[in-house]
Amino acid sequence: MKIDALKKMSIAELKKELNSLLREQFNLRIQKATMQLKKFHLMKNVRLNIARVKTILSEKERKTKTDEK
């Protein structure tokens, strides 16, 4: 997922996207454990997307806290 698209999302949408990515990561880990996963690069992509979402989410939350003061 592109960073530009993530920056346009609201905090609620980012949390929903994070939850979706965490579920996808869990499903990929299960597939890996049962030897069904053929495309191992998907695990890396999901992990990077989770990091991107968490970074943007923390930036937005920090910004809203400073705006409230």
PDB file of N, CA and C in Angstrom:
ATOM      1  N   MET A   1       0.846  -1.167   0.000  1.00  0.00           N
ATOM      2  CA  MET A   1       0.000   0.000   0.000  1.00  0.00           C
ATOM      3  C   MET A   1       0.897   1.238   0.000  1.00  0.00           C
ATOM      4  N   LYS A   2       0.506   2.235  -0.741  1.00  0.00           N
ATOM      5  CA  LYS A   2       1.285   3.452  -0.869  1.00  0.00           C
ATOM      6  C   LYS A   2       1.101   4.349   0.356  1.00  0.00           C
ATOM      7  N   ILE A   3       2.150   5.044   0.709  1.00  0.00           N
ATOM      8  CA  ILE A   3       2.122   5.928   1.865  1.00  0.00           C
ATOM      9  C   ILE A   3       1.164   7.090   1.631  1.00  0.00           C
ATOM     10  N   ASP A   4       1.098   7.585   0.398  1.00  0.00           N
ATOM     11  CA  ASP A   4       0.188   8.694   0.090  1.00  0.00           C
ATOM     12  C   ASP A   4      -1.262   8.315   0.377  1.00  0.00           C
ATOM     13  N   ALA A   5      -1.623   7.096   0.020  1.00  0.00           N
ATOM     14  CA  ALA A   5      -2.995   6.635   0.270  1.00  0.00           C
ATOM     15  C   ALA A   5      -3.253   6.511   1.767  1.00  0.00           C
ATOM     16  N   LEU A   6      -2.235   6.077   2.510  1.00  0.00           N
ATOM     17  CA  LEU A   6      -2.405   5.935   3.957  1.00  0.00           C
ATOM     18  C   LEU A   6      -2.549   7.287   4.641  1.00  0.00           C
ATOM     19  N   LYS A   7      -1.818   8.273   4.172  1.00  0.00           N
ATOM     20  CA  LYS A   7      -1.878   9.599   4.792  1.00  0.00           C
ATOM     21  C   LYS A   7      -3.241  10.260   4.591  1.00  0.00           C
ATOM     22  N   LYS A   8      -3.962   9.865   3.565  1.00  0.00           N
ATOM     23  CA  LYS A   8      -5.283  10.435   3.299  1.00  0.00           C
ATOM     24  C   LYS A   8      -6.368   9.794   4.157  1.00  0.00           C
ATOM     25  N   MET A   9      -6.072   8.649   4.763  1.00  0.00           N
ATOM     26  CA  MET A   9      -7.063   7.938   5.565  1.00  0.00           C
ATOM     27  C   MET A   9      -7.214   8.578   6.943  1.00  0.00           C
ATOM     28  N   SER A  10      -8.380   8.384   7.530  1.00  0.00           N
ATOM     29  CA  SER A  10      -8.616   8.871   8.889  1.00  0.00           C
ATOM     30  C   SER A  10      -8.036   7.856   9.881  1.00  0.00           C
ATOM     31  N   ILE A  11      -8.042   8.237  11.139  1.00  0.00           N
ATOM     32  CA  ILE A  11      -7.500   7.354  12.181  1.00  0.00           C
ATOM     33  C   ILE A  11      -8.326   6.068  12.263  1.00  0.00           C
ATOM     34  N   ALA A  12      -9.633   6.190  12.170  1.00  0.00           N
ATOM     35  CA  ALA A  12     -10.502   5.007  12.237  1.00  0.00           C
ATOM     36  C   ALA A  12     -10.233   4.066  11.060  1.00  0.00           C
ATOM     37  N   GLU A  13     -10.060   4.637   9.874  1.00  0.00           N
ATOM     38  CA  GLU A  13      -9.776   3.815   8.697  1.00  0.00           C
ATOM     39  C   GLU A  13      -8.416   3.131   8.828  1.00  0.00           C
ATOM     40  N   LEU A  14      -7.436   3.834   9.404  1.00  0.00           N
ATOM     41  CA  LEU A  14      -6.118   3.241   9.593  1.00  0.00           C
ATOM     42  C   LEU A  14      -6.169   2.080  10.577  1.00  0.00           C
ATOM     43  N   LYS A  15      -6.950   2.249  11.636  1.00  0.00           N
ATOM     44  CA  LYS A  15      -7.088   1.154  12.613  1.00  0.00           C
ATOM     45  C   LYS A  15      -7.760  -0.059  11.979  1.00  0.00           C
ATOM     46  N   LYS A  16      -8.740   0.192  11.134  1.00  0.00           N
ATOM     47  CA  LYS A  16      -9.428  -0.899  10.428  1.00  0.00           C
ATOM     48  C   LYS A  16      -8.458  -1.603   9.480  1.00  0.00           C
ATOM     49  N   GLU A  17      -7.642  -0.822   8.766  1.00  0.00           N
ATOM     50  CA  GLU A  17      -6.644  -1.387   7.850  1.00  0.00           C
ATOM     51  C   GLU A  17      -5.599  -2.189   8.616  1.00  0.00           C
ATOM     52  N   LEU A  18      -5.188  -1.687   9.778  1.00  0.00           N
ATOM     53  CA  LEU A  18      -4.209  -2.399  10.604  1.00  0.00           C
ATOM     54  C   LEU A  18      -4.772  -3.737  11.064  1.00  0.00           C
ATOM     55  N   ASN A  19      -6.017  -3.731  11.492  1.00  0.00           N
ATOM     56  CA  ASN A  19      -6.656  -4.974  11.921  1.00  0.00           C
ATOM     57  C   ASN A  19      -6.718  -5.978  10.769  1.00  0.00           C
ATOM     58  N   SER A  20      -7.035  -5.501   9.584  1.00  0.00           N
ATOM     59  CA  SER A  20      -7.095  -6.356   8.408  1.00  0.00           C
ATOM     60  C   SER A  20      -5.722  -6.950   8.083  1.00  0.00           C
ATOM     61  N   LEU A  21      -4.690  -6.124   8.165  1.00  0.00           N
ATOM     62  CA  LEU A  21      -3.334  -6.607   7.870  1.00  0.00           C
ATOM     63  C   LEU A  21      -2.856  -7.612   8.909  1.00  0.00           C
ATOM     64  N   LEU A  22      -3.221  -7.392  10.169  1.00  0.00           N
ATOM     65  CA  LEU A  22      -2.829  -8.348  11.213  1.00  0.00           C
ATOM     66  C   LEU A  22      -3.518  -9.699  11.012  1.00  0.00           C
ATOM     67  N   ARG A  23      -4.765  -9.666  10.571  1.00  0.00           N
ATOM     68  CA  ARG A  23      -5.458 -10.926  10.266  1.00  0.00           C
ATOM     69  C   ARG A  23      -4.804 -11.647   9.092  1.00  0.00           C
ATOM     70  N   GLU A  24      -4.434 -10.853   8.083  1.00  0.00           N
ATOM     71  CA  GLU A  24      -3.772 -11.437   6.923  1.00  0.00           C
ATOM     72  C   GLU A  24      -2.429 -12.051   7.324  1.00  0.00           C
ATOM     73  N   GLN A  25      -1.699 -11.365   8.191  1.00  0.00           N
ATOM     74  CA  GLN A  25      -0.424 -11.892   8.660  1.00  0.00           C
ATOM     75  C   GLN A  25      -0.628 -13.208   9.419  1.00  0.00           C
ATOM     76  N   PHE A  26      -1.656 -13.254  10.249  1.00  0.00           N
ATOM     77  CA  PHE A  26      -1.959 -14.477  10.982  1.00  0.00           C
ATOM     78  C   PHE A  26      -2.273 -15.620  10.022  1.00  0.00           C
ATOM     79  N   ASN A  27      -3.093 -15.341   9.016  1.00  0.00           N
ATOM     80  CA  ASN A  27      -3.449 -16.375   8.043  1.00  0.00           C
ATOM     81  C   ASN A  27      -2.223 -16.872   7.284  1.00  0.00           C
ATOM     82  N   LEU A  28      -1.319 -15.969   6.948  1.00  0.00           N
ATOM     83  CA  LEU A  28      -0.091 -16.377   6.249  1.00  0.00           C
ATOM     84  C   LEU A  28       0.799 -17.237   7.154  1.00  0.00           C
ATOM     85  N   ARG A  29       0.844 -16.894   8.436  1.00  0.00           N
ATOM     86  CA  ARG A  29       1.644 -17.709   9.361  1.00  0.00           C
ATOM     87  C   ARG A  29       1.066 -19.117   9.493  1.00  0.00           C
ATOM     88  N   ILE A  30      -0.253 -19.213   9.505  1.00  0.00           N
ATOM     89  CA  ILE A  30      -0.902 -20.528   9.580  1.00  0.00           C
ATOM     90  C   ILE A  30      -0.591 -21.327   8.316  1.00  0.00           C
ATOM     91  N   GLN A  31      -0.663 -20.670   7.167  1.00  0.00           N
ATOM     92  CA  GLN A  31      -0.350 -21.357   5.911  1.00  0.00           C
ATOM     93  C   GLN A  31       1.104 -21.820   5.896  1.00  0.00           C
ATOM     94  N   LYS A  32       1.995 -21.011   6.428  1.00  0.00           N
ATOM     95  CA  LYS A  32       3.407 -21.388   6.471  1.00  0.00           C
ATOM     96  C   LYS A  32       3.606 -22.599   7.378  1.00  0.00           C
ATOM     97  N   ALA A  33       2.934 -22.602   8.515  1.00  0.00           N
ATOM     98  CA  ALA A  33       3.084 -23.695   9.468  1.00  0.00           C
ATOM     99  C   ALA A  33       2.540 -25.008   8.922  1.00  0.00           C
ATOM    100  N   THR A  34       1.517 -24.920   8.082  1.00  0.00           N
ATOM    101  CA  THR A  34       0.926 -26.142   7.523  1.00  0.00           C
ATOM    102  C   THR A  34       1.495 -26.467   6.141  1.00  0.00           C
ATOM    103  N   MET A  35       2.584 -25.775   5.777  1.00  0.00           N
ATOM    104  CA  MET A  35       3.294 -26.014   4.517  1.00  0.00           C
ATOM    105  C   MET A  35       2.429 -25.753   3.279  1.00  0.00           C
ATOM    106  N   GLN A  36       1.491 -24.829   3.389  1.00  0.00           N
ATOM    107  CA  GLN A  36       0.641 -24.484   2.257  1.00  0.00           C
ATOM    108  C   GLN A  36       1.054 -23.188   1.581  1.00  0.00           C
ATOM    109  N   LEU A  37       1.932 -22.431   2.215  1.00  0.00           N
ATOM    110  CA  LEU A  37       2.333 -21.133   1.681  1.00  0.00           C
ATOM    111  C   LEU A  37       3.380 -21.321   0.595  1.00  0.00           C
ATOM    112  N   LYS A  38       3.087 -20.815  -0.581  1.00  0.00           N
ATOM    113  CA  LYS A  38       4.003 -20.929  -1.714  1.00  0.00           C
ATOM    114  C   LYS A  38       4.734 -19.622  -1.989  1.00  0.00           C
ATOM    115  N   LYS A  39       4.099 -18.509  -1.650  1.00  0.00           N
ATOM    116  CA  LYS A  39       4.671 -17.192  -1.942  1.00  0.00           C
ATOM    117  C   LYS A  39       5.119 -16.544  -0.630  1.00  0.00           C
ATOM    118  N   PHE A  40       6.347 -16.819  -0.232  1.00  0.00           N
ATOM    119  CA  PHE A  40       6.854 -16.347   1.043  1.00  0.00           C
ATOM    120  C   PHE A  40       7.062 -14.833   1.068  1.00  0.00           C
ATOM    121  N   HIS A  41       7.178 -14.224  -0.089  1.00  0.00           N
ATOM    122  CA  HIS A  41       7.363 -12.779  -0.137  1.00  0.00           C
ATOM    123  C   HIS A  41       6.137 -12.029   0.380  1.00  0.00           C
ATOM    124  N   LEU A  42       4.990 -12.676   0.399  1.00  0.00           N
ATOM    125  CA  LEU A  42       3.783 -12.030   0.902  1.00  0.00           C
ATOM    126  C   LEU A  42       3.901 -11.698   2.382  1.00  0.00           C
ATOM    127  N   MET A  43       4.606 -12.548   3.124  1.00  0.00           N
ATOM    128  CA  MET A  43       4.788 -12.296   4.554  1.00  0.00           C
ATOM    129  C   MET A  43       5.582 -11.008   4.770  1.00  0.00           C
ATOM    130  N   LYS A  44       6.614 -10.808   3.978  1.00  0.00           N
ATOM    131  CA  LYS A  44       7.420  -9.598   4.095  1.00  0.00           C
ATOM    132  C   LYS A  44       6.606  -8.369   3.715  1.00  0.00           C
ATOM    133  N   ASN A  45       5.829  -8.477   2.642  1.00  0.00           N
ATOM    134  CA  ASN A  45       5.004  -7.350   2.200  1.00  0.00           C
ATOM    135  C   ASN A  45       3.989  -6.940   3.263  1.00  0.00           C
ATOM    136  N   VAL A  46       3.361  -7.928   3.881  1.00  0.00           N
ATOM    137  CA  VAL A  46       2.360  -7.640   4.912  1.00  0.00           C
ATOM    138  C   VAL A  46       3.042  -6.996   6.121  1.00  0.00           C
ATOM    139  N   ARG A  47       4.198  -7.518   6.496  1.00  0.00           N
ATOM    140  CA  ARG A  47       4.924  -6.971   7.638  1.00  0.00           C
ATOM    141  C   ARG A  47       5.320  -5.507   7.398  1.00  0.00           C
ATOM    142  N   LEU A  48       5.769  -5.199   6.187  1.00  0.00           N
ATOM    143  CA  LEU A  48       6.127  -3.824   5.848  1.00  0.00           C
ATOM    144  C   LEU A  48       4.897  -2.917   5.835  1.00  0.00           C
ATOM    145  N   ASN A  49       3.784  -3.420   5.329  1.00  0.00           N
ATOM    146  CA  ASN A  49       2.553  -2.629   5.314  1.00  0.00           C
ATOM    147  C   ASN A  49       2.051  -2.353   6.732  1.00  0.00           C
ATOM    148  N   ILE A  50       2.207  -3.332   7.630  1.00  0.00           N
ATOM    149  CA  ILE A  50       1.824  -3.128   9.026  1.00  0.00           C
ATOM    150  C   ILE A  50       2.668  -2.006   9.627  1.00  0.00           C
ATOM    151  N   ALA A  51       3.954  -2.026   9.353  1.00  0.00           N
ATOM    152  CA  ALA A  51       4.847  -0.985   9.873  1.00  0.00           C
ATOM    153  C   ALA A  51       4.463   0.381   9.313  1.00  0.00           C
ATOM    154  N   ARG A  52       4.126   0.436   8.043  1.00  0.00           N
ATOM    155  CA  ARG A  52       3.719   1.704   7.434  1.00  0.00           C
ATOM    156  C   ARG A  52       2.462   2.259   8.098  1.00  0.00           C
ATOM    157  N   VAL A  53       1.481   1.386   8.280  1.00  0.00           N
ATOM    158  CA  VAL A  53       0.215   1.815   8.875  1.00  0.00           C
ATOM    159  C   VAL A  53       0.445   2.283  10.311  1.00  0.00           C
ATOM    160  N   LYS A  54       1.239   1.543  11.072  1.00  0.00           N
ATOM    161  CA  LYS A  54       1.504   1.934  12.454  1.00  0.00           C
ATOM    162  C   LYS A  54       2.224   3.273  12.524  1.00  0.00           C
ATOM    163  N   THR A  55       3.144   3.503  11.609  1.00  0.00           N
ATOM    164  CA  THR A  55       3.873   4.767  11.595  1.00  0.00           C
ATOM    165  C   THR A  55       2.943   5.939  11.308  1.00  0.00           C
ATOM    166  N   ILE A  56       2.133   5.820  10.271  1.00  0.00           N
ATOM    167  CA  ILE A  56       1.203   6.893   9.911  1.00  0.00           C
ATOM    168  C   ILE A  56       0.180   7.102  11.029  1.00  0.00           C
ATOM    169  N   LEU A  57      -0.280   6.004  11.624  1.00  0.00           N
ATOM    170  CA  LEU A  57      -1.265   6.090  12.707  1.00  0.00           C
ATOM    171  C   LEU A  57      -0.688   6.836  13.907  1.00  0.00           C
ATOM    172  N   SER A  58       0.532   6.524  14.278  1.00  0.00           N
ATOM    173  CA  SER A  58       1.136   7.209  15.423  1.00  0.00           C
ATOM    174  C   SER A  58       1.388   8.682  15.114  1.00  0.00           C
ATOM    175  N   GLU A  59       1.759   8.990  13.878  1.00  0.00           N
ATOM    176  CA  GLU A  59       1.949  10.389  13.494  1.00  0.00           C
ATOM    177  C   GLU A  59       0.642  11.166  13.600  1.00  0.00           C
ATOM    178  N   LYS A  60      -0.432  10.568  13.119  1.00  0.00           N
ATOM    179  CA  LYS A  60      -1.731  11.257  13.156  1.00  0.00           C
ATOM    180  C   LYS A  60      -2.225  11.413  14.593  1.00  0.00           C
ATOM    181  N   GLU A  61      -2.039  10.375  15.412  1.00  0.00           N
ATOM    182  CA  GLU A  61      -2.486  10.463  16.803  1.00  0.00           C
ATOM    183  C   GLU A  61      -1.676  11.509  17.564  1.00  0.00           C
ATOM    184  N   ARG A  62      -0.376  11.562  17.304  1.00  0.00           N
ATOM    185  CA  ARG A  62       0.471  12.551  17.952  1.00  0.00           C
ATOM    186  C   ARG A  62       0.056  13.961  17.532  1.00  0.00           C
ATOM    187  N   LYS A  63      -0.281  14.111  16.253  1.00  0.00           N
ATOM    188  CA  LYS A  63      -0.687  15.421  15.742  1.00  0.00           C
ATOM    189  C   LYS A  63      -2.005  15.867  16.374  1.00  0.00           C
ATOM    190  N   THR A  64      -2.946  14.944  16.521  1.00  0.00           N
ATOM    191  CA  THR A  64      -4.231  15.316  17.110  1.00  0.00           C
ATOM    192  C   THR A  64      -4.065  15.680  18.585  1.00  0.00           C
ATOM    193  N   LYS A  65      -3.149  15.029  19.278  1.00  0.00           N
ATOM    194  CA  LYS A  65      -2.920  15.363  20.681  1.00  0.00           C
ATOM    195  C   LYS A  65      -2.305  16.750  20.822  1.00  0.00           C
ATOM    196  N   THR A  66      -1.395  17.095  19.940  1.00  0.00           N
ATOM    197  CA  THR A  66      -0.784  18.424  20.025  1.00  0.00           C
ATOM    198  C   THR A  66      -1.746  19.510  19.561  1.00  0.00           C
ATOM    199  N   ASP A  67      -2.659  19.179  18.659  1.00  0.00           N
ATOM    200  CA  ASP A  67      -3.651  20.156  18.202  1.00  0.00           C
ATOM    201  C   ASP A  67      -4.682  20.464  19.300  1.00  0.00           C
ATOM    202  N   GLU A  68      -4.931  19.478  20.171  1.00  0.00           N
ATOM    203  CA  GLU A  68      -5.918  19.670  21.239  1.00  0.00           C
ATOM    204  C   GLU A  68      -5.401  20.606  22.314  1.00  0.00           C
ATOM    205  N   LYS A  69      -4.100  20.714  22.480  1.00  0.00           N
ATOM    206  CA  LYS A  69      -3.531  21.542  23.549  1.00  0.00           C
ATOM    207  C   LYS A  69      -3.578  22.995  23.238  1.00  0.00           C
TER     208      LYS A  69
END
